[in-house]
Amino acid sequence: MLLERMTIGMLATNCYILAPDKRGPAVVIDPAGEIKTIVSRLHKAELDCVGILCTHGHVDHMAGAGPLSDAVGAPVYINEADAGALASPRTKLIGLAGGVMATRPRQVRFLEDGEKVEVGDVILEVLHTPGHTPGGVSFYLPGYLFCGDLIFQGSIGRTDLRGGSLQGLLRAVKEKVWDLPDDTRILPGHGPETTLGEERVHNPFLRGLSSARTGSE
């Protein structure tokens, strides 16, 4: 499996390329901008982008979704609750998202909780994980969790922005993430990767959280 991380824009958004093999079908997760760089990497590796996956509807994660979709002809996947962000007027986002010209994608498909996104023989499960935004989702395959701004190393995503909810975020972690194996790699929207086991022990926001199977927090 091929997994590559690129850090994009002033907010240092993690954009991921995921593919079953070194060439063939691939998806791009959270294309914040720098579309020429992403497309160049896809072409160089002989990867065919078949989907653009957005963990949530904040501009520093999906500003490049429309331009990338136009460039590679792939649909954009996002939860319907956050899809309104894709309809924003054409706007120049300098620095924040790598200077990308954000436009509404022509192909948009809505993600639902429990849905499976297939990329060759790699199957990503969609987990609805709101709290940072109402339509926040994470993408899980055994050993890996692409969680956007849900969990960071030693921290969690902001919940003070419009549509945010601390209670909702903690509930999402408890119900959708906390029962995954300790060695699951947490691939966040910003900052270094970590593991679920590390965050169980060291994350002050999550340390007291119990499993959804064992009762209350």
C-alpha atoms as a PDB file:
ATOM      1  CA  MET A   1       0.000   0.000   0.000  1.00  0.00           C
ATOM      2  CA  LEU A   2       1.165   3.531  -0.785  1.00  0.00           C
ATOM      3  CA  LEU A   3       0.545   6.261   1.778  1.00  0.00           C
ATOM      4  CA  GLU A   4       2.030   9.728   1.346  1.00  0.00           C
ATOM      5  CA  ARG A   5       1.501  12.870   3.394  1.00  0.00           C
ATOM      6  CA  MET A   6       1.929  16.411   2.077  1.00  0.00           C
ATOM      7  CA  THR A   7       1.744  19.482   4.317  1.00  0.00           C
ATOM      8  CA  ILE A   8      -0.058  22.375   2.623  1.00  0.00           C
ATOM      9  CA  GLY A   9      -0.701  26.061   3.348  1.00  0.00           C
ATOM     10  CA  MET A  10      -0.174  28.438   6.255  1.00  0.00           C
ATOM     11  CA  LEU A  11      -2.184  26.190   8.569  1.00  0.00           C
ATOM     12  CA  ALA A  12      -0.005  23.203   7.643  1.00  0.00           C
ATOM     13  CA  THR A  13      -2.863  20.933   6.629  1.00  0.00           C
ATOM     14  CA  ASN A  14      -2.008  17.280   6.156  1.00  0.00           C
ATOM     15  CA  CYS A  15      -3.123  16.080   2.729  1.00  0.00           C
ATOM     16  CA  TYR A  16      -2.836  12.336   2.126  1.00  0.00           C
ATOM     17  CA  ILE A  17      -2.524  10.224  -1.012  1.00  0.00           C
ATOM     18  CA  LEU A  18      -3.626   6.632  -0.452  1.00  0.00           C
ATOM     19  CA  ALA A  19      -3.364   3.820  -2.995  1.00  0.00           C
ATOM     20  CA  PRO A  20      -3.399   0.022  -2.849  1.00  0.00           C
ATOM     21  CA  ASP A  21      -0.223  -0.179  -4.935  1.00  0.00           C
ATOM     22  CA  LYS A  22       2.601   2.014  -6.203  1.00  0.00           C
ATOM     23  CA  ARG A  23       0.579   2.695  -9.357  1.00  0.00           C
ATOM     24  CA  GLY A  24      -3.100   2.433 -10.226  1.00  0.00           C
ATOM     25  CA  PRO A  25      -6.186   3.819  -8.420  1.00  0.00           C
ATOM     26  CA  ALA A  26      -5.763   6.273  -5.540  1.00  0.00           C
ATOM     27  CA  VAL A  27      -7.688   8.731  -3.401  1.00  0.00           C
ATOM     28  CA  VAL A  28      -6.624  12.126  -2.109  1.00  0.00           C
ATOM     29  CA  ILE A  29      -7.754  13.035   1.404  1.00  0.00           C
ATOM     30  CA  ASP A  30      -8.198  16.708   2.362  1.00  0.00           C
ATOM     31  CA  PRO A  31      -6.715  18.599  -0.613  1.00  0.00           C
ATOM     32  CA  ALA A  32      -6.174  22.026   0.951  1.00  0.00           C
ATOM     33  CA  GLY A  33      -4.446  23.483  -2.095  1.00  0.00           C
ATOM     34  CA  GLU A  34      -1.186  23.297  -4.090  1.00  0.00           C
ATOM     35  CA  ILE A  35      -3.108  21.367  -6.728  1.00  0.00           C
ATOM     36  CA  LYS A  36      -0.235  21.376  -9.234  1.00  0.00           C
ATOM     37  CA  THR A  37       1.960  19.638  -6.668  1.00  0.00           C
ATOM     38  CA  ILE A  38      -0.686  17.017  -5.921  1.00  0.00           C
ATOM     39  CA  VAL A  39      -1.388  16.361  -9.608  1.00  0.00           C
ATOM     40  CA  SER A  40       2.330  16.169 -10.362  1.00  0.00           C
ATOM     41  CA  ARG A  41       2.804  13.593  -7.608  1.00  0.00           C
ATOM     42  CA  LEU A  42      -0.101  11.522  -8.924  1.00  0.00           C
ATOM     43  CA  HIS A  43       1.241  11.603 -12.470  1.00  0.00           C
ATOM     44  CA  LYS A  44       4.793  10.839 -11.419  1.00  0.00           C
ATOM     45  CA  ALA A  45       3.650   7.761  -9.517  1.00  0.00           C
ATOM     46  CA  GLU A  46       1.266   6.729 -12.327  1.00  0.00           C
ATOM     47  CA  LEU A  47      -1.657   6.993  -9.927  1.00  0.00           C
ATOM     48  CA  ASP A  48      -5.227   7.479 -11.122  1.00  0.00           C
ATOM     49  CA  CYS A  49      -7.185   9.582  -8.632  1.00  0.00           C
ATOM     50  CA  VAL A  50     -10.647   8.015  -8.390  1.00  0.00           C
ATOM     51  CA  GLY A  51     -11.929  10.031  -5.429  1.00  0.00           C
ATOM     52  CA  ILE A  52     -11.296  13.158  -3.376  1.00  0.00           C
ATOM     53  CA  LEU A  53     -12.255  12.628   0.268  1.00  0.00           C
ATOM     54  CA  CYS A  54     -12.958  15.531   2.633  1.00  0.00           C
ATOM     55  CA  THR A  55     -12.966  14.888   6.361  1.00  0.00           C
ATOM     56  CA  HIS A  56     -14.927  18.100   6.948  1.00  0.00           C
ATOM     57  CA  GLY A  57     -15.973  21.402   5.416  1.00  0.00           C
ATOM     58  CA  HIS A  58     -13.357  23.854   6.660  1.00  0.00           C
ATOM     59  CA  VAL A  59     -11.545  25.778   3.962  1.00  0.00           C
ATOM     60  CA  ASP A  60      -8.084  24.630   5.033  1.00  0.00           C
ATOM     61  CA  HIS A  61      -9.126  21.035   4.245  1.00  0.00           C
ATOM     62  CA  MET A  62     -11.317  21.274   1.157  1.00  0.00           C
ATOM     63  CA  ALA A  63     -10.442  24.487  -0.687  1.00  0.00           C
ATOM     64  CA  GLY A  64      -8.621  22.460  -3.313  1.00  0.00           C
ATOM     65  CA  ALA A  65     -11.370  19.895  -3.784  1.00  0.00           C
ATOM     66  CA  GLY A  66     -13.015  21.655  -6.749  1.00  0.00           C
ATOM     67  CA  PRO A  67      -9.821  22.463  -8.653  1.00  0.00           C
ATOM     68  CA  LEU A  68      -8.441  18.967  -8.066  1.00  0.00           C
ATOM     69  CA  SER A  69     -11.707  17.414  -9.199  1.00  0.00           C
ATOM     70  CA  ASP A  70     -11.540  19.486 -12.384  1.00  0.00           C
ATOM     71  CA  ALA A  71      -7.929  18.481 -12.947  1.00  0.00           C
ATOM     72  CA  VAL A  72      -8.321  14.721 -12.506  1.00  0.00           C
ATOM     73  CA  GLY A  73     -12.018  14.182 -13.235  1.00  0.00           C
ATOM     74  CA  ALA A  74     -12.750  12.511  -9.886  1.00  0.00           C
ATOM     75  CA  PRO A  75     -15.778  13.106  -7.644  1.00  0.00           C
ATOM     76  CA  VAL A  76     -15.562  14.850  -4.275  1.00  0.00           C
ATOM     77  CA  TYR A  77     -16.879  12.944  -1.258  1.00  0.00           C
ATOM     78  CA  ILE A  78     -18.115  14.853   1.805  1.00  0.00           C
ATOM     79  CA  ASN A  79     -20.830  14.496   4.436  1.00  0.00           C
ATOM     80  CA  GLU A  80     -23.981  16.373   3.450  1.00  0.00           C
ATOM     81  CA  ALA A  81     -23.975  18.424   6.664  1.00  0.00           C
ATOM     82  CA  ASP A  82     -20.699  20.057   5.598  1.00  0.00           C
ATOM     83  CA  ALA A  83     -21.323  20.148   1.861  1.00  0.00           C
ATOM     84  CA  GLY A  84     -22.497  23.760   1.937  1.00  0.00           C
ATOM     85  CA  ALA A  85     -18.857  24.798   2.263  1.00  0.00           C
ATOM     86  CA  LEU A  86     -18.298  23.573  -1.294  1.00  0.00           C
ATOM     87  CA  ALA A  87     -20.852  26.081  -2.573  1.00  0.00           C
ATOM     88  CA  SER A  88     -18.930  29.121  -1.368  1.00  0.00           C
ATOM     89  CA  PRO A  89     -18.385  31.856  -3.985  1.00  0.00           C
ATOM     90  CA  ARG A  90     -15.243  31.682  -6.099  1.00  0.00           C
ATOM     91  CA  THR A  91     -12.542  33.125  -3.908  1.00  0.00           C
ATOM     92  CA  LYS A  92      -8.765  33.498  -3.865  1.00  0.00           C
ATOM     93  CA  LEU A  93      -7.255  31.847  -0.832  1.00  0.00           C
ATOM     94  CA  ILE A  94      -3.644  32.998  -0.671  1.00  0.00           C
ATOM     95  CA  GLY A  95      -1.352  31.309   1.819  1.00  0.00           C
ATOM     96  CA  LEU A  96      -4.105  29.762   3.933  1.00  0.00           C
ATOM     97  CA  ALA A  97      -4.709  27.031   1.392  1.00  0.00           C
ATOM     98  CA  GLY A  98      -1.642  27.316  -0.762  1.00  0.00           C
ATOM     99  CA  GLY A  99      -2.968  30.059  -3.058  1.00  0.00           C
ATOM    100  CA  VAL A 100      -5.670  27.864  -4.558  1.00  0.00           C
ATOM    101  CA  MET A 101      -8.625  29.292  -6.504  1.00  0.00           C
ATOM    102  CA  ALA A 102     -11.552  27.543  -4.793  1.00  0.00           C
ATOM    103  CA  THR A 103     -14.469  26.555  -7.030  1.00  0.00           C
ATOM    104  CA  ARG A 104     -17.488  24.315  -6.491  1.00  0.00           C
ATOM    105  CA  PRO A 105     -16.813  20.744  -7.697  1.00  0.00           C
ATOM    106  CA  ARG A 106     -18.943  19.496 -10.563  1.00  0.00           C
ATOM    107  CA  GLN A 107     -19.200  16.020  -9.004  1.00  0.00           C
ATOM    108  CA  VAL A 108     -20.162  15.789  -5.321  1.00  0.00           C
ATOM    109  CA  ARG A 109     -21.192  12.621  -3.526  1.00  0.00           C
ATOM    110  CA  PHE A 110     -22.466  12.565   0.040  1.00  0.00           C
ATOM    111  CA  LEU A 111     -20.873  10.266   2.598  1.00  0.00           C
ATOM    112  CA  GLU A 112     -22.948   8.409   5.174  1.00  0.00           C
ATOM    113  CA  ASP A 113     -21.929   6.749   8.411  1.00  0.00           C
ATOM    114  CA  GLY A 114     -20.923   3.129   7.840  1.00  0.00           C
ATOM    115  CA  GLU A 115     -20.500   3.564   4.082  1.00  0.00           C
ATOM    116  CA  LYS A 116     -17.573   1.852   2.390  1.00  0.00           C
ATOM    117  CA  VAL A 117     -15.301   3.646  -0.074  1.00  0.00           C
ATOM    118  CA  GLU A 118     -13.416   1.167  -2.257  1.00  0.00           C
ATOM    119  CA  VAL A 119     -10.037   1.991  -3.787  1.00  0.00           C
ATOM    120  CA  GLY A 120      -8.998  -1.158  -5.573  1.00  0.00           C
ATOM    121  CA  ASP A 121      -8.716  -3.755  -2.811  1.00  0.00           C
ATOM    122  CA  VAL A 122      -8.423  -1.095  -0.074  1.00  0.00           C
ATOM    123  CA  ILE A 123     -11.742  -0.461   1.642  1.00  0.00           C
ATOM    124  CA  LEU A 124     -12.220   2.643   3.777  1.00  0.00           C
ATOM    125  CA  GLU A 125     -15.087   2.708   6.274  1.00  0.00           C
ATOM    126  CA  VAL A 126     -16.755   6.075   6.779  1.00  0.00           C
ATOM    127  CA  LEU A 127     -17.275   7.014  10.430  1.00  0.00           C
ATOM    128  CA  HIS A 128     -19.447  10.046  11.143  1.00  0.00           C
ATOM    129  CA  THR A 129     -17.407  11.886  13.789  1.00  0.00           C
ATOM    130  CA  PRO A 130     -18.980  15.329  14.337  1.00  0.00           C
ATOM    131  CA  GLY A 131     -17.927  17.825  16.965  1.00  0.00           C
ATOM    132  CA  HIS A 132     -15.335  19.884  15.133  1.00  0.00           C
ATOM    133  CA  THR A 133     -18.004  20.376  12.461  1.00  0.00           C
ATOM    134  CA  PRO A 134     -21.494  18.846  12.143  1.00  0.00           C
ATOM    135  CA  GLY A 135     -20.500  16.790   9.116  1.00  0.00           C
ATOM    136  CA  GLY A 136     -17.052  15.696  10.200  1.00  0.00           C
ATOM    137  CA  VAL A 137     -16.091  12.175   9.156  1.00  0.00           C
ATOM    138  CA  SER A 138     -13.131   9.881   9.659  1.00  0.00           C
ATOM    139  CA  PHE A 139     -11.917   7.188   7.263  1.00  0.00           C
ATOM    140  CA  TYR A 140     -10.883   3.862   8.782  1.00  0.00           C
ATOM    141  CA  LEU A 141      -9.157   0.807   7.454  1.00  0.00           C
ATOM    142  CA  PRO A 142      -7.515  -1.685   9.790  1.00  0.00           C
ATOM    143  CA  GLY A 143      -4.420  -0.043  11.226  1.00  0.00           C
ATOM    144  CA  TYR A 144      -5.179   3.491  10.012  1.00  0.00           C
ATOM    145  CA  LEU A 145      -7.603   6.279  10.948  1.00  0.00           C
ATOM    146  CA  PHE A 146      -7.702   9.460   8.862  1.00  0.00           C
ATOM    147  CA  CYS A 147      -9.563  11.671  11.310  1.00  0.00           C
ATOM    148  CA  GLY A 148      -9.210  15.259  10.091  1.00  0.00           C
ATOM    149  CA  ASP A 149      -9.448  17.606  13.075  1.00  0.00           C
ATOM    150  CA  LEU A 150     -11.015  15.116  15.471  1.00  0.00           C
ATOM    151  CA  ILE A 151      -7.891  13.995  17.364  1.00  0.00           C
ATOM    152  CA  PHE A 152      -4.371  15.412  17.343  1.00  0.00           C
ATOM    153  CA  GLN A 153      -1.263  14.265  19.154  1.00  0.00           C
ATOM    154  CA  GLY A 154      -2.011  15.331  22.724  1.00  0.00           C
ATOM    155  CA  SER A 155      -5.061  17.392  21.775  1.00  0.00           C
ATOM    156  CA  ILE A 156      -8.402  17.496  19.956  1.00  0.00           C
ATOM    157  CA  GLY A 157      -9.982  19.687  17.300  1.00  0.00           C
ATOM    158  CA  ARG A 158     -11.449  23.080  18.118  1.00  0.00           C
ATOM    159  CA  THR A 159     -15.098  23.094  19.088  1.00  0.00           C
ATOM    160  CA  ASP A 160     -15.583  26.858  19.515  1.00  0.00           C
ATOM    161  CA  LEU A 161     -16.196  27.523  15.818  1.00  0.00           C
ATOM    162  CA  ARG A 162     -19.648  27.608  14.240  1.00  0.00           C
ATOM    163  CA  GLY A 163     -21.267  24.176  14.409  1.00  0.00           C
ATOM    164  CA  GLY A 164     -18.718  22.851  16.880  1.00  0.00           C
ATOM    165  CA  SER A 165     -19.596  20.864  19.994  1.00  0.00           C
ATOM    166  CA  LEU A 166     -17.173  19.567  22.617  1.00  0.00           C
ATOM    167  CA  GLN A 167     -19.769  17.142  23.927  1.00  0.00           C
ATOM    168  CA  GLY A 168     -20.433  15.948  20.381  1.00  0.00           C
ATOM    169  CA  LEU A 169     -16.734  15.480  19.636  1.00  0.00           C
ATOM    170  CA  LEU A 170     -16.118  13.446  22.793  1.00  0.00           C
ATOM    171  CA  ARG A 171     -19.203  11.344  22.051  1.00  0.00           C
ATOM    172  CA  ALA A 172     -17.940  10.689  18.514  1.00  0.00           C
ATOM    173  CA  VAL A 173     -14.545   9.576  19.814  1.00  0.00           C
ATOM    174  CA  LYS A 174     -16.170   7.354  22.430  1.00  0.00           C
ATOM    175  CA  GLU A 175     -18.684   5.739  20.102  1.00  0.00           C
ATOM    176  CA  LYS A 176     -16.698   5.467  16.862  1.00  0.00           C
ATOM    177  CA  VAL A 177     -12.987   5.435  17.725  1.00  0.00           C
ATOM    178  CA  TRP A 178     -12.323   4.282  21.277  1.00  0.00           C
ATOM    179  CA  ASP A 179     -12.856   0.557  20.619  1.00  0.00           C
ATOM    180  CA  LEU A 180     -10.351   0.446  17.755  1.00  0.00           C
ATOM    181  CA  PRO A 181      -7.026  -1.345  18.434  1.00  0.00           C
ATOM    182  CA  ASP A 182      -4.302   0.500  20.351  1.00  0.00           C
ATOM    183  CA  ASP A 183      -1.882   0.256  17.432  1.00  0.00           C
ATOM    184  CA  THR A 184      -4.250   2.113  15.078  1.00  0.00           C
ATOM    185  CA  ARG A 185      -2.271   4.930  13.474  1.00  0.00           C
ATOM    186  CA  ILE A 186      -4.016   8.280  13.954  1.00  0.00           C
ATOM    187  CA  LEU A 187      -3.425  10.336  10.795  1.00  0.00           C
ATOM    188  CA  PRO A 188      -4.690  13.815  11.732  1.00  0.00           C
ATOM    189  CA  GLY A 189      -5.464  16.922   9.740  1.00  0.00           C
ATOM    190  CA  HIS A 190      -2.553  18.817  11.303  1.00  0.00           C
ATOM    191  CA  GLY A 191       0.650  17.863  13.083  1.00  0.00           C
ATOM    192  CA  PRO A 192       2.420  14.530  13.502  1.00  0.00           C
ATOM    193  CA  GLU A 193       0.757  11.153  13.460  1.00  0.00           C
ATOM    194  CA  THR A 194       0.233   9.235  16.665  1.00  0.00           C
ATOM    195  CA  THR A 195      -1.471   6.023  17.784  1.00  0.00           C
ATOM    196  CA  LEU A 196      -4.724   5.440  19.569  1.00  0.00           C
ATOM    197  CA  GLY A 197      -2.863   3.708  22.395  1.00  0.00           C
ATOM    198  CA  GLU A 198      -0.666   6.768  22.929  1.00  0.00           C
ATOM    199  CA  GLU A 199      -3.669   9.071  23.027  1.00  0.00           C
ATOM    200  CA  ARG A 200      -5.504   6.842  25.517  1.00  0.00           C
ATOM    201  CA  VAL A 201      -2.635   7.369  27.936  1.00  0.00           C
ATOM    202  CA  HIS A 202      -1.257  10.828  27.185  1.00  0.00           C
ATOM    203  CA  ASN A 203      -4.044  12.946  25.673  1.00  0.00           C
ATOM    204  CA  PRO A 204      -5.400  15.110  28.522  1.00  0.00           C
ATOM    205  CA  PHE A 205      -8.683  15.699  26.675  1.00  0.00           C
ATOM    206  CA  LEU A 206      -9.355  11.983  26.221  1.00  0.00           C
ATOM    207  CA  ARG A 207      -7.567  10.267  29.092  1.00  0.00           C
ATOM    208  CA  GLY A 208     -10.723   9.711  31.157  1.00  0.00           C
ATOM    209  CA  LEU A 209     -12.890   8.619  28.238  1.00  0.00           C
ATOM    210  CA  SER A 210     -14.297   5.120  28.529  1.00  0.00           C
ATOM    211  CA  SER A 211     -15.292   2.697  25.818  1.00  0.00           C
ATOM    212  CA  ALA A 212     -18.814   2.969  24.446  1.00  0.00           C
ATOM    213  CA  ARG A 213     -19.206  -0.674  25.501  1.00  0.00           C
ATOM    214  CA  THR A 214     -18.322  -0.121  29.138  1.00  0.00           C
ATOM    215  CA  GLY A 215     -20.557   2.752  30.144  1.00  0.00           C
ATOM    216  CA  SER A 216     -20.268   6.450  30.844  1.00  0.00           C
ATOM    217  CA  GLU A 217     -17.276   8.752  30.712  1.00  0.00           C
END
